Amino acid sequence: MITDTIVGDDARARCRWVGTDAEYLRYHDEEWGRALHGDQPLFEKMSLEGFQAGLSWITILRRRPHFREVFHGFDIARVATMTPDEADTLMHDTGIIRNRAKIEATISNAAIAADLTRDAPGALDELLWSFAPTARGRALSRAGHIPAVTAESTAMSVALKKLGFRFVGPTTMYALMQSGGMVDDHAHGCWRAP
């Protein structure tokens, strides 16, 4: 019988998706599903989730240090002022995902986030967390599987798109909600499960 967890060498049960990759183990144990707050950390998470669209998260996770370097620590004000020449340079940088639409979206999303937070620090945090379900437990579908999209992630996506954000589809926003702790989708039996 296949379970939702896998037991690691340290005898801890974890969500099956972690497997045995050391970076995934660390990410799962220290980050995934923990409440994340702050405009800059959430902007980074939104940006990286956008880059992940169509790819595996481990690809992004392994490149995250370089993403942070070339996107100035995801400092919203600094990313918002990145030039077309800087975007062109990033298209030749093998340390990130070289997708022009995603690079340009990150820069334009930063400009929107900068406008949103300029006179109201915390506004991006407040906006994103306003879509978190009241109960942070697992959002199981009828079949008992974790959904890829929820009513909350769809509403978040719609609201962000109305503001002009890009690469913020409902599936991407549900991944943000999971990784940023707005929902807790740790598998039953996982040592991190509530």
N, C-alpha and C. Protein backbone atom coordinates (compact mmCIF):
# COMPACT_ATOMS: atom_id res chain seq x y z
N MET A 1 0.84 -1.19 0.00
CA MET A 1 0.00 0.00 0.00
C MET A 1 0.88 1.25 0.00
N ILE A 2 0.57 2.21 -0.84
CA ILE A 2 1.32 3.46 -0.92
C ILE A 2 0.74 4.44 0.09
N THR A 3 1.60 5.02 0.90
CA THR A 3 1.15 6.01 1.87
C THR A 3 1.56 7.39 1.40
N ASP A 4 1.08 8.40 2.12
CA ASP A 4 1.40 9.78 1.78
C ASP A 4 2.74 10.22 2.36
N THR A 5 3.40 9.33 3.12
CA THR A 5 4.66 9.69 3.75
C THR A 5 5.75 8.69 3.39
N ILE A 6 6.96 9.11 3.63
CA ILE A 6 8.13 8.27 3.44
C ILE A 6 9.02 8.49 4.66
N VAL A 7 9.60 7.42 5.18
CA VAL A 7 10.45 7.52 6.37
C VAL A 7 11.90 7.68 5.92
N GLY A 8 12.54 8.74 6.43
CA GLY A 8 13.92 9.02 6.06
C GLY A 8 14.91 8.26 6.91
N ASP A 9 16.19 8.44 6.59
CA ASP A 9 17.27 7.79 7.34
C ASP A 9 17.27 8.20 8.80
N ASP A 10 16.69 9.36 9.09
CA ASP A 10 16.63 9.84 10.47
C ASP A 10 15.39 9.31 11.21
N ALA A 11 14.67 8.40 10.58
CA ALA A 11 13.47 7.75 11.14
C ALA A 11 12.27 8.69 11.24
N ARG A 12 12.34 9.86 10.59
CA ARG A 12 11.19 10.77 10.57
C ARG A 12 10.36 10.53 9.33
N ALA A 13 9.04 10.50 9.52
CA ALA A 13 8.12 10.39 8.39
C ALA A 13 7.92 11.78 7.80
N ARG A 14 8.02 11.87 6.50
CA ARG A 14 7.84 13.14 5.79
C ARG A 14 6.90 12.94 4.60
N CYS A 15 6.41 14.05 4.08
CA CYS A 15 5.58 14.01 2.88
C CYS A 15 6.34 13.26 1.78
N ARG A 16 5.65 12.39 1.08
CA ARG A 16 6.28 11.54 0.07
C ARG A 16 7.03 12.32 -1.00
N TRP A 17 6.57 13.51 -1.37
CA TRP A 17 7.21 14.27 -2.44
C TRP A 17 8.66 14.64 -2.13
N VAL A 18 9.04 14.60 -0.86
CA VAL A 18 10.39 14.98 -0.46
C VAL A 18 11.42 13.99 -1.00
N GLY A 19 11.08 12.71 -0.99
CA GLY A 19 12.04 11.70 -1.44
C GLY A 19 13.27 11.69 -0.55
N THR A 20 14.44 11.60 -1.17
CA THR A 20 15.68 11.52 -0.41
C THR A 20 16.64 12.67 -0.72
N ASP A 21 16.23 13.61 -1.54
CA ASP A 21 17.10 14.73 -1.89
C ASP A 21 17.37 15.60 -0.67
N ALA A 22 18.63 15.85 -0.36
CA ALA A 22 19.01 16.60 0.85
C ALA A 22 18.43 18.01 0.87
N GLU A 23 18.40 18.68 -0.27
CA GLU A 23 17.87 20.05 -0.30
C GLU A 23 16.35 20.04 -0.10
N TYR A 24 15.68 19.05 -0.68
CA TYR A 24 14.24 18.92 -0.46
C TYR A 24 13.95 18.61 1.01
N LEU A 25 14.75 17.76 1.62
CA LEU A 25 14.57 17.44 3.04
C LEU A 25 14.67 18.71 3.87
N ARG A 26 15.71 19.51 3.64
CA ARG A 26 15.89 20.75 4.39
C ARG A 26 14.74 21.70 4.14
N TYR A 27 14.35 21.86 2.87
CA TYR A 27 13.26 22.77 2.52
C TYR A 27 11.96 22.34 3.20
N HIS A 28 11.65 21.06 3.12
CA HIS A 28 10.44 20.54 3.74
C HIS A 28 10.46 20.78 5.25
N ASP A 29 11.56 20.46 5.89
CA ASP A 29 11.64 20.53 7.34
C ASP A 29 11.69 21.96 7.87
N GLU A 30 12.32 22.87 7.13
CA GLU A 30 12.56 24.21 7.65
C GLU A 30 11.69 25.31 7.05
N GLU A 31 11.13 25.09 5.86
CA GLU A 31 10.42 26.18 5.18
C GLU A 31 8.98 25.87 4.78
N TRP A 32 8.79 24.78 4.04
CA TRP A 32 7.51 24.53 3.39
C TRP A 32 6.39 24.42 4.42
N GLY A 33 5.38 25.23 4.25
CA GLY A 33 4.22 25.19 5.13
C GLY A 33 4.34 26.07 6.37
N ARG A 34 5.47 26.73 6.56
CA ARG A 34 5.61 27.64 7.70
C ARG A 34 5.11 29.02 7.29
N ALA A 35 4.41 29.67 8.18
CA ALA A 35 3.84 30.98 7.88
C ALA A 35 4.95 31.97 7.51
N LEU A 36 4.85 32.52 6.32
CA LEU A 36 5.83 33.47 5.80
C LEU A 36 5.16 34.84 5.70
N HIS A 37 5.79 35.84 6.29
CA HIS A 37 5.25 37.19 6.25
C HIS A 37 6.31 38.18 5.80
N GLY A 38 5.84 39.32 5.33
CA GLY A 38 6.72 40.40 4.88
C GLY A 38 6.60 40.59 3.38
N ASP A 39 6.57 41.84 2.96
CA ASP A 39 6.43 42.13 1.54
C ASP A 39 7.54 41.50 0.71
N GLN A 40 8.79 41.70 1.13
CA GLN A 40 9.93 41.18 0.37
C GLN A 40 9.96 39.65 0.33
N PRO A 41 9.84 38.95 1.47
CA PRO A 41 9.85 37.48 1.38
C PRO A 41 8.70 36.92 0.53
N LEU A 42 7.53 37.53 0.63
CA LEU A 42 6.40 37.05 -0.17
C LEU A 42 6.56 37.42 -1.64
N PHE A 43 7.18 38.57 -1.94
CA PHE A 43 7.46 38.90 -3.33
C PHE A 43 8.45 37.90 -3.91
N GLU A 44 9.47 37.55 -3.14
CA GLU A 44 10.43 36.53 -3.60
C GLU A 44 9.70 35.22 -3.88
N LYS A 45 8.88 34.79 -2.95
CA LYS A 45 8.17 33.53 -3.09
C LYS A 45 7.26 33.57 -4.33
N MET A 46 6.54 34.68 -4.51
CA MET A 46 5.66 34.82 -5.68
C MET A 46 6.48 34.75 -6.97
N SER A 47 7.62 35.42 -6.97
CA SER A 47 8.48 35.43 -8.16
C SER A 47 9.00 34.04 -8.48
N LEU A 48 9.51 33.36 -7.47
CA LEU A 48 10.07 32.03 -7.70
C LEU A 48 8.99 31.03 -8.09
N GLU A 49 7.80 31.15 -7.51
CA GLU A 49 6.70 30.28 -7.92
C GLU A 49 6.34 30.54 -9.39
N GLY A 50 6.42 31.78 -9.81
CA GLY A 50 6.18 32.11 -11.21
C GLY A 50 7.22 31.48 -12.13
N PHE A 51 8.49 31.52 -11.71
CA PHE A 51 9.54 30.88 -12.50
C PHE A 51 9.36 29.37 -12.53
N GLN A 52 8.78 28.81 -11.47
CA GLN A 52 8.61 27.37 -11.38
C GLN A 52 7.53 26.86 -12.32
N ALA A 53 6.59 27.70 -12.73
CA ALA A 53 5.48 27.25 -13.57
C ALA A 53 6.00 26.40 -14.73
N GLY A 54 5.54 25.16 -14.79
CA GLY A 54 5.94 24.24 -15.84
C GLY A 54 7.21 23.46 -15.54
N LEU A 55 7.81 23.71 -14.40
CA LEU A 55 9.06 23.04 -14.02
C LEU A 55 8.90 22.39 -12.65
N SER A 56 9.89 21.66 -12.23
CA SER A 56 9.85 21.08 -10.88
C SER A 56 10.40 22.11 -9.90
N TRP A 57 9.89 22.06 -8.65
CA TRP A 57 10.32 23.02 -7.64
C TRP A 57 11.79 22.83 -7.30
N ILE A 58 12.31 21.61 -7.36
CA ILE A 58 13.72 21.40 -7.02
C ILE A 58 14.62 22.16 -7.98
N THR A 59 14.20 22.32 -9.21
CA THR A 59 14.97 23.10 -10.18
C THR A 59 15.13 24.53 -9.69
N ILE A 60 14.06 25.10 -9.19
CA ILE A 60 14.09 26.48 -8.68
C ILE A 60 14.86 26.53 -7.38
N LEU A 61 14.62 25.59 -6.51
CA LEU A 61 15.26 25.58 -5.19
C LEU A 61 16.78 25.53 -5.32
N ARG A 62 17.28 24.74 -6.23
CA ARG A 62 18.73 24.64 -6.43
C ARG A 62 19.31 25.92 -7.02
N ARG A 63 18.51 26.65 -7.74
CA ARG A 63 18.98 27.90 -8.36
C ARG A 63 18.64 29.14 -7.53
N ARG A 64 17.91 28.95 -6.45
CA ARG A 64 17.45 30.08 -5.66
C ARG A 64 18.58 31.02 -5.22
N PRO A 65 19.72 30.53 -4.76
CA PRO A 65 20.77 31.47 -4.37
C PRO A 65 21.18 32.40 -5.52
N HIS A 66 21.25 31.85 -6.72
CA HIS A 66 21.62 32.71 -7.86
C HIS A 66 20.48 33.64 -8.25
N PHE A 67 19.25 33.15 -8.18
CA PHE A 67 18.11 34.04 -8.41
C PHE A 67 18.19 35.23 -7.45
N ARG A 68 18.47 34.96 -6.19
CA ARG A 68 18.56 36.04 -5.20
C ARG A 68 19.67 37.02 -5.56
N GLU A 69 20.76 36.49 -6.06
CA GLU A 69 21.88 37.36 -6.44
C GLU A 69 21.50 38.28 -7.60
N VAL A 70 20.98 37.72 -8.67
CA VAL A 70 20.72 38.52 -9.87
C VAL A 70 19.47 39.39 -9.75
N PHE A 71 18.57 39.03 -8.84
CA PHE A 71 17.39 39.86 -8.59
C PHE A 71 17.52 40.67 -7.30
N HIS A 72 18.76 40.97 -6.94
CA HIS A 72 19.06 41.91 -5.84
C HIS A 72 18.35 41.55 -4.54
N GLY A 73 18.40 40.26 -4.20
CA GLY A 73 17.76 39.82 -2.97
C GLY A 73 16.25 39.98 -2.99
N PHE A 74 15.69 40.13 -4.18
CA PHE A 74 14.27 40.36 -4.38
C PHE A 74 13.80 41.61 -3.63
N ASP A 75 14.71 42.57 -3.51
CA ASP A 75 14.33 43.88 -2.98
C ASP A 75 13.36 44.51 -3.98
N ILE A 76 12.15 44.72 -3.54
CA ILE A 76 11.08 45.15 -4.46
C ILE A 76 11.44 46.43 -5.20
N ALA A 77 11.91 47.44 -4.47
CA ALA A 77 12.23 48.73 -5.11
C ALA A 77 13.35 48.57 -6.12
N ARG A 78 14.35 47.76 -5.80
CA ARG A 78 15.48 47.60 -6.72
C ARG A 78 15.07 46.80 -7.95
N VAL A 79 14.33 45.72 -7.77
CA VAL A 79 13.90 44.92 -8.92
C VAL A 79 13.00 45.75 -9.83
N ALA A 80 12.17 46.61 -9.24
CA ALA A 80 11.27 47.47 -10.03
C ALA A 80 12.02 48.40 -10.96
N THR A 81 13.28 48.70 -10.64
CA THR A 81 14.05 49.63 -11.48
C THR A 81 15.01 48.92 -12.42
N MET A 82 14.92 47.60 -12.50
CA MET A 82 15.81 46.88 -13.42
C MET A 82 15.49 47.29 -14.85
N THR A 83 16.52 47.45 -15.64
CA THR A 83 16.40 47.96 -17.00
C THR A 83 16.23 46.84 -18.02
N PRO A 84 15.81 47.18 -19.22
CA PRO A 84 15.75 46.18 -20.29
C PRO A 84 17.12 45.55 -20.56
N ASP A 85 18.20 46.33 -20.40
CA ASP A 85 19.54 45.77 -20.59
C ASP A 85 19.83 44.71 -19.53
N GLU A 86 19.40 44.95 -18.29
CA GLU A 86 19.58 43.95 -17.24
C GLU A 86 18.77 42.69 -17.55
N ALA A 87 17.57 42.87 -18.07
CA ALA A 87 16.75 41.72 -18.45
C ALA A 87 17.43 40.95 -19.58
N ASP A 88 18.00 41.65 -20.53
CA ASP A 88 18.72 40.99 -21.63
C ASP A 88 19.91 40.19 -21.09
N THR A 89 20.63 40.76 -20.13
CA THR A 89 21.76 40.06 -19.52
C THR A 89 21.28 38.77 -18.85
N LEU A 90 20.14 38.84 -18.18
CA LEU A 90 19.62 37.65 -17.49
C LEU A 90 19.25 36.54 -18.48
N MET A 91 18.91 36.91 -19.69
CA MET A 91 18.58 35.90 -20.70
C MET A 91 19.78 35.03 -21.06
N HIS A 92 20.98 35.48 -20.70
CA HIS A 92 22.20 34.71 -20.98
C HIS A 92 22.77 34.06 -19.73
N ASP A 93 22.07 34.18 -18.62
CA ASP A 93 22.55 33.68 -17.34
C ASP A 93 22.04 32.26 -17.12
N THR A 94 22.93 31.28 -17.21
CA THR A 94 22.52 29.88 -17.07
C THR A 94 22.19 29.50 -15.63
N GLY A 95 22.43 30.40 -14.69
CA GLY A 95 22.14 30.11 -13.29
C GLY A 95 20.69 30.31 -12.90
N ILE A 96 19.88 30.84 -13.83
CA ILE A 96 18.46 31.03 -13.58
C ILE A 96 17.67 30.35 -14.70
N ILE A 97 16.36 30.51 -14.67
CA ILE A 97 15.51 30.04 -15.77
C ILE A 97 15.46 31.17 -16.79
N ARG A 98 15.98 30.92 -17.97
CA ARG A 98 16.08 31.97 -18.99
C ARG A 98 14.80 32.02 -19.83
N ASN A 99 13.81 32.60 -19.24
CA ASN A 99 12.51 32.76 -19.89
C ASN A 99 12.18 34.25 -19.85
N ARG A 100 12.21 34.88 -21.01
CA ARG A 100 12.03 36.33 -21.07
C ARG A 100 10.71 36.78 -20.44
N ALA A 101 9.64 36.06 -20.71
CA ALA A 101 8.34 36.46 -20.16
C ALA A 101 8.36 36.43 -18.63
N LYS A 102 9.02 35.42 -18.06
CA LYS A 102 9.08 35.31 -16.59
C LYS A 102 10.01 36.37 -16.00
N ILE A 103 11.10 36.65 -16.67
CA ILE A 103 12.03 37.70 -16.21
C ILE A 103 11.32 39.05 -16.23
N GLU A 104 10.68 39.36 -17.34
CA GLU A 104 9.98 40.65 -17.47
C GLU A 104 8.81 40.74 -16.50
N ALA A 105 8.13 39.63 -16.28
CA ALA A 105 7.02 39.62 -15.32
C ALA A 105 7.53 39.91 -13.91
N THR A 106 8.67 39.36 -13.54
CA THR A 106 9.23 39.61 -12.22
C THR A 106 9.52 41.09 -12.03
N ILE A 107 10.07 41.72 -13.06
CA ILE A 107 10.38 43.16 -12.98
C ILE A 107 9.10 43.99 -12.93
N SER A 108 8.14 43.67 -13.79
CA SER A 108 6.89 44.46 -13.77
C SER A 108 6.09 44.18 -12.51
N ASN A 109 6.12 42.95 -12.00
CA ASN A 109 5.44 42.64 -10.74
C ASN A 109 6.06 43.42 -9.60
N ALA A 110 7.38 43.60 -9.64
CA ALA A 110 8.05 44.39 -8.61
C ALA A 110 7.58 45.84 -8.65
N ALA A 111 7.37 46.38 -9.86
CA ALA A 111 6.89 47.76 -9.98
C ALA A 111 5.48 47.89 -9.37
N ILE A 112 4.64 46.91 -9.61
CA ILE A 112 3.29 46.93 -9.04
C ILE A 112 3.37 46.81 -7.52
N ALA A 113 4.22 45.89 -7.05
CA ALA A 113 4.38 45.71 -5.60
C ALA A 113 4.95 46.97 -4.95
N ALA A 114 5.87 47.64 -5.65
CA ALA A 114 6.45 48.88 -5.12
C ALA A 114 5.38 49.96 -4.98
N ASP A 115 4.52 50.08 -5.99
CA ASP A 115 3.42 51.05 -5.91
C ASP A 115 2.47 50.70 -4.77
N LEU A 116 2.21 49.42 -4.61
CA LEU A 116 1.28 48.94 -3.59
C LEU A 116 1.80 49.21 -2.18
N THR A 117 3.11 49.07 -2.01
CA THR A 117 3.69 49.13 -0.66
C THR A 117 4.37 50.46 -0.34
N ARG A 118 4.50 51.33 -1.33
CA ARG A 118 5.24 52.59 -1.12
C ARG A 118 4.71 53.37 0.09
N ASP A 119 3.42 53.61 0.13
CA ASP A 119 2.82 54.36 1.22
C ASP A 119 2.16 53.46 2.26
N ALA A 120 2.23 52.16 2.02
CA ALA A 120 1.59 51.21 2.94
C ALA A 120 2.45 49.96 3.07
N PRO A 121 3.58 50.08 3.77
CA PRO A 121 4.39 48.87 3.97
C PRO A 121 3.54 47.75 4.58
N GLY A 122 3.73 46.56 4.07
CA GLY A 122 2.94 45.43 4.53
C GLY A 122 1.71 45.17 3.68
N ALA A 123 1.46 46.01 2.70
CA ALA A 123 0.23 45.87 1.90
C ALA A 123 0.24 44.60 1.06
N LEU A 124 1.39 44.21 0.53
CA LEU A 124 1.44 42.97 -0.26
C LEU A 124 1.20 41.77 0.65
N ASP A 125 1.84 41.78 1.80
CA ASP A 125 1.62 40.72 2.80
C ASP A 125 0.13 40.64 3.15
N GLU A 126 -0.45 41.77 3.46
CA GLU A 126 -1.86 41.81 3.85
C GLU A 126 -2.76 41.31 2.72
N LEU A 127 -2.46 41.73 1.50
CA LEU A 127 -3.26 41.30 0.35
C LEU A 127 -3.20 39.79 0.18
N LEU A 128 -1.99 39.23 0.16
CA LEU A 128 -1.86 37.79 -0.07
C LEU A 128 -2.49 36.98 1.06
N TRP A 129 -2.23 37.38 2.29
CA TRP A 129 -2.77 36.63 3.43
C TRP A 129 -4.29 36.79 3.57
N SER A 130 -4.86 37.80 2.92
CA SER A 130 -6.32 37.96 3.01
C SER A 130 -7.05 36.81 2.33
N PHE A 131 -6.34 36.04 1.50
CA PHE A 131 -6.95 34.91 0.80
C PHE A 131 -6.72 33.58 1.50
N ALA A 132 -5.96 33.59 2.58
CA ALA A 132 -5.71 32.35 3.32
C ALA A 132 -7.02 31.86 3.94
N PRO A 133 -7.30 30.57 3.83
CA PRO A 133 -8.51 30.05 4.47
C PRO A 133 -8.44 30.26 5.98
N THR A 134 -9.59 30.38 6.59
CA THR A 134 -9.64 30.59 8.03
C THR A 134 -8.95 29.45 8.77
N ALA A 135 -9.23 28.22 8.36
CA ALA A 135 -8.57 27.05 8.94
C ALA A 135 -7.41 26.68 8.03
N ARG A 136 -6.21 26.56 8.59
CA ARG A 136 -5.02 26.30 7.78
C ARG A 136 -4.80 24.83 7.48
N GLY A 137 -5.71 23.96 7.83
CA GLY A 137 -5.53 22.53 7.61
C GLY A 137 -5.49 22.18 6.14
N ARG A 138 -5.27 20.92 5.86
CA ARG A 138 -5.17 20.44 4.49
C ARG A 138 -6.46 20.69 3.72
N ALA A 139 -6.32 21.13 2.49
CA ALA A 139 -7.48 21.36 1.61
C ALA A 139 -7.68 20.13 0.75
N LEU A 140 -8.19 19.07 1.35
CA LEU A 140 -8.35 17.81 0.62
C LEU A 140 -9.55 17.86 -0.32
N SER A 141 -9.35 17.27 -1.48
CA SER A 141 -10.46 17.12 -2.40
C SER A 141 -11.32 15.96 -1.93
N ARG A 142 -12.41 15.72 -2.63
CA ARG A 142 -13.31 14.63 -2.24
C ARG A 142 -12.60 13.28 -2.26
N ALA A 143 -11.65 13.12 -3.16
CA ALA A 143 -10.94 11.84 -3.26
C ALA A 143 -9.83 11.73 -2.22
N GLY A 144 -9.64 12.77 -1.41
CA GLY A 144 -8.60 12.73 -0.40
C GLY A 144 -7.25 13.22 -0.86
N HIS A 145 -7.20 13.74 -2.07
CA HIS A 145 -5.95 14.25 -2.62
C HIS A 145 -5.87 15.77 -2.44
N ILE A 146 -4.66 16.26 -2.32
CA ILE A 146 -4.47 17.70 -2.21
C ILE A 146 -4.74 18.31 -3.58
N PRO A 147 -5.59 19.31 -3.64
CA PRO A 147 -5.91 19.93 -4.93
C PRO A 147 -4.76 20.79 -5.44
N ALA A 148 -4.78 21.07 -6.72
CA ALA A 148 -3.79 21.98 -7.31
C ALA A 148 -4.32 23.41 -7.30
N VAL A 149 -5.64 23.55 -7.19
CA VAL A 149 -6.30 24.85 -7.23
C VAL A 149 -7.43 24.83 -6.19
N THR A 150 -7.63 25.95 -5.53
CA THR A 150 -8.76 26.07 -4.60
C THR A 150 -9.51 27.36 -4.92
N ALA A 151 -10.66 27.51 -4.31
CA ALA A 151 -11.42 28.75 -4.49
C ALA A 151 -10.59 29.94 -4.02
N GLU A 152 -9.83 29.75 -2.93
CA GLU A 152 -9.00 30.85 -2.41
C GLU A 152 -7.86 31.20 -3.34
N SER A 153 -7.20 30.18 -3.92
CA SER A 153 -6.09 30.49 -4.82
C SER A 153 -6.60 31.12 -6.12
N THR A 154 -7.79 30.74 -6.53
CA THR A 154 -8.40 31.35 -7.72
C THR A 154 -8.74 32.81 -7.43
N ALA A 155 -9.31 33.07 -6.27
CA ALA A 155 -9.64 34.46 -5.91
C ALA A 155 -8.37 35.31 -5.79
N MET A 156 -7.31 34.75 -5.21
CA MET A 156 -6.04 35.46 -5.11
C MET A 156 -5.52 35.79 -6.51
N SER A 157 -5.55 34.81 -7.38
CA SER A 157 -5.07 35.00 -8.76
C SER A 157 -5.85 36.11 -9.46
N VAL A 158 -7.16 36.07 -9.34
CA VAL A 158 -8.01 37.09 -9.99
C VAL A 158 -7.66 38.49 -9.46
N ALA A 159 -7.53 38.61 -8.15
CA ALA A 159 -7.23 39.91 -7.54
C ALA A 159 -5.86 40.42 -8.00
N LEU A 160 -4.87 39.54 -8.03
CA LEU A 160 -3.53 39.95 -8.45
C LEU A 160 -3.51 40.34 -9.93
N LYS A 161 -4.19 39.57 -10.76
CA LYS A 161 -4.24 39.89 -12.19
C LYS A 161 -4.93 41.23 -12.43
N LYS A 162 -5.96 41.55 -11.64
CA LYS A 162 -6.63 42.85 -11.78
C LYS A 162 -5.67 43.99 -11.48
N LEU A 163 -4.70 43.75 -10.60
CA LEU A 163 -3.70 44.77 -10.28
C LEU A 163 -2.59 44.82 -11.33
N GLY A 164 -2.56 43.83 -12.22
CA GLY A 164 -1.56 43.81 -13.28
C GLY A 164 -0.45 42.80 -13.10
N PHE A 165 -0.48 42.03 -12.01
CA PHE A 165 0.55 41.01 -11.80
C PHE A 165 0.44 39.93 -12.87
N ARG A 166 1.59 39.34 -13.22
CA ARG A 166 1.64 38.27 -14.21
C ARG A 166 2.27 37.02 -13.61
N PHE A 167 2.02 35.88 -14.23
CA PHE A 167 2.48 34.57 -13.76
C PHE A 167 1.98 34.30 -12.35
N VAL A 168 0.72 34.60 -12.14
CA VAL A 168 0.06 34.41 -10.85
C VAL A 168 -1.24 33.62 -11.02
N GLY A 169 -1.18 32.58 -11.83
CA GLY A 169 -2.37 31.76 -12.05
C GLY A 169 -2.79 31.03 -10.78
N PRO A 170 -3.99 30.47 -10.78
CA PRO A 170 -4.51 29.80 -9.57
C PRO A 170 -3.65 28.66 -9.05
N THR A 171 -3.05 27.87 -9.95
CA THR A 171 -2.19 26.77 -9.51
C THR A 171 -0.91 27.32 -8.88
N THR A 172 -0.33 28.32 -9.52
CA THR A 172 0.88 28.95 -8.99
C THR A 172 0.60 29.59 -7.64
N MET A 173 -0.57 30.21 -7.50
CA MET A 173 -0.90 30.85 -6.23
C MET A 173 -1.21 29.82 -5.15
N TYR A 174 -1.73 28.65 -5.55
CA TYR A 174 -1.92 27.62 -4.52
C TYR A 174 -0.57 27.10 -4.04
N ALA A 175 0.39 26.98 -4.96
CA ALA A 175 1.74 26.58 -4.55
C ALA A 175 2.33 27.62 -3.59
N LEU A 176 2.08 28.90 -3.85
CA LEU A 176 2.52 29.96 -2.94
C LEU A 176 1.85 29.81 -1.57
N MET A 177 0.56 29.52 -1.58
CA MET A 177 -0.17 29.35 -0.32
C MET A 177 0.39 28.17 0.47
N GLN A 178 0.75 27.09 -0.21
CA GLN A 178 1.34 25.93 0.46
C GLN A 178 2.72 26.26 1.02
N SER A 179 3.58 26.79 0.17
CA SER A 179 4.96 27.03 0.59
C SER A 179 5.05 28.14 1.62
N GLY A 180 4.15 29.14 1.53
CA GLY A 180 4.15 30.25 2.46
C GLY A 180 3.33 30.03 3.71
N GLY A 181 2.81 28.82 3.89
CA GLY A 181 2.11 28.48 5.12
C GLY A 181 0.71 29.03 5.25
N MET A 182 0.12 29.51 4.16
CA MET A 182 -1.27 29.98 4.23
C MET A 182 -2.22 28.80 4.37
N VAL A 183 -1.77 27.65 3.87
CA VAL A 183 -2.44 26.38 4.10
C VAL A 183 -1.37 25.41 4.59
N ASP A 184 -1.75 24.36 5.24
CA ASP A 184 -0.79 23.37 5.71
C ASP A 184 -1.15 22.04 5.08
N ASP A 185 -0.41 21.70 4.03
CA ASP A 185 -0.69 20.48 3.29
C ASP A 185 0.31 19.37 3.60
N HIS A 186 0.94 19.41 4.77
CA HIS A 186 1.78 18.29 5.15
C HIS A 186 0.90 17.05 5.29
N ALA A 187 1.38 15.96 4.76
CA ALA A 187 0.61 14.72 4.76
C ALA A 187 0.34 14.22 6.17
N HIS A 188 -0.80 13.58 6.36
CA HIS A 188 -1.09 12.94 7.64
C HIS A 188 0.02 11.94 7.93
N GLY A 189 0.58 12.00 9.09
CA GLY A 189 1.68 11.14 9.47
C GLY A 189 3.03 11.79 9.32
N CYS A 190 3.11 12.90 8.56
CA CYS A 190 4.36 13.64 8.44
C CYS A 190 4.67 14.30 9.79
N TRP A 191 5.94 14.31 10.16
CA TRP A 191 6.29 14.88 11.47
C TRP A 191 5.97 16.37 11.54
N ARG A 192 5.82 17.03 10.40
CA ARG A 192 5.47 18.46 10.39
C ARG A 192 3.96 18.71 10.32
N ALA A 193 3.17 17.67 10.15
CA ALA A 193 1.72 17.84 10.03
C ALA A 193 1.14 18.34 11.34
N PRO A 194 0.09 19.17 11.25
CA PRO A 194 -0.53 19.68 12.49
C PRO A 194 -1.18 18.55 13.29
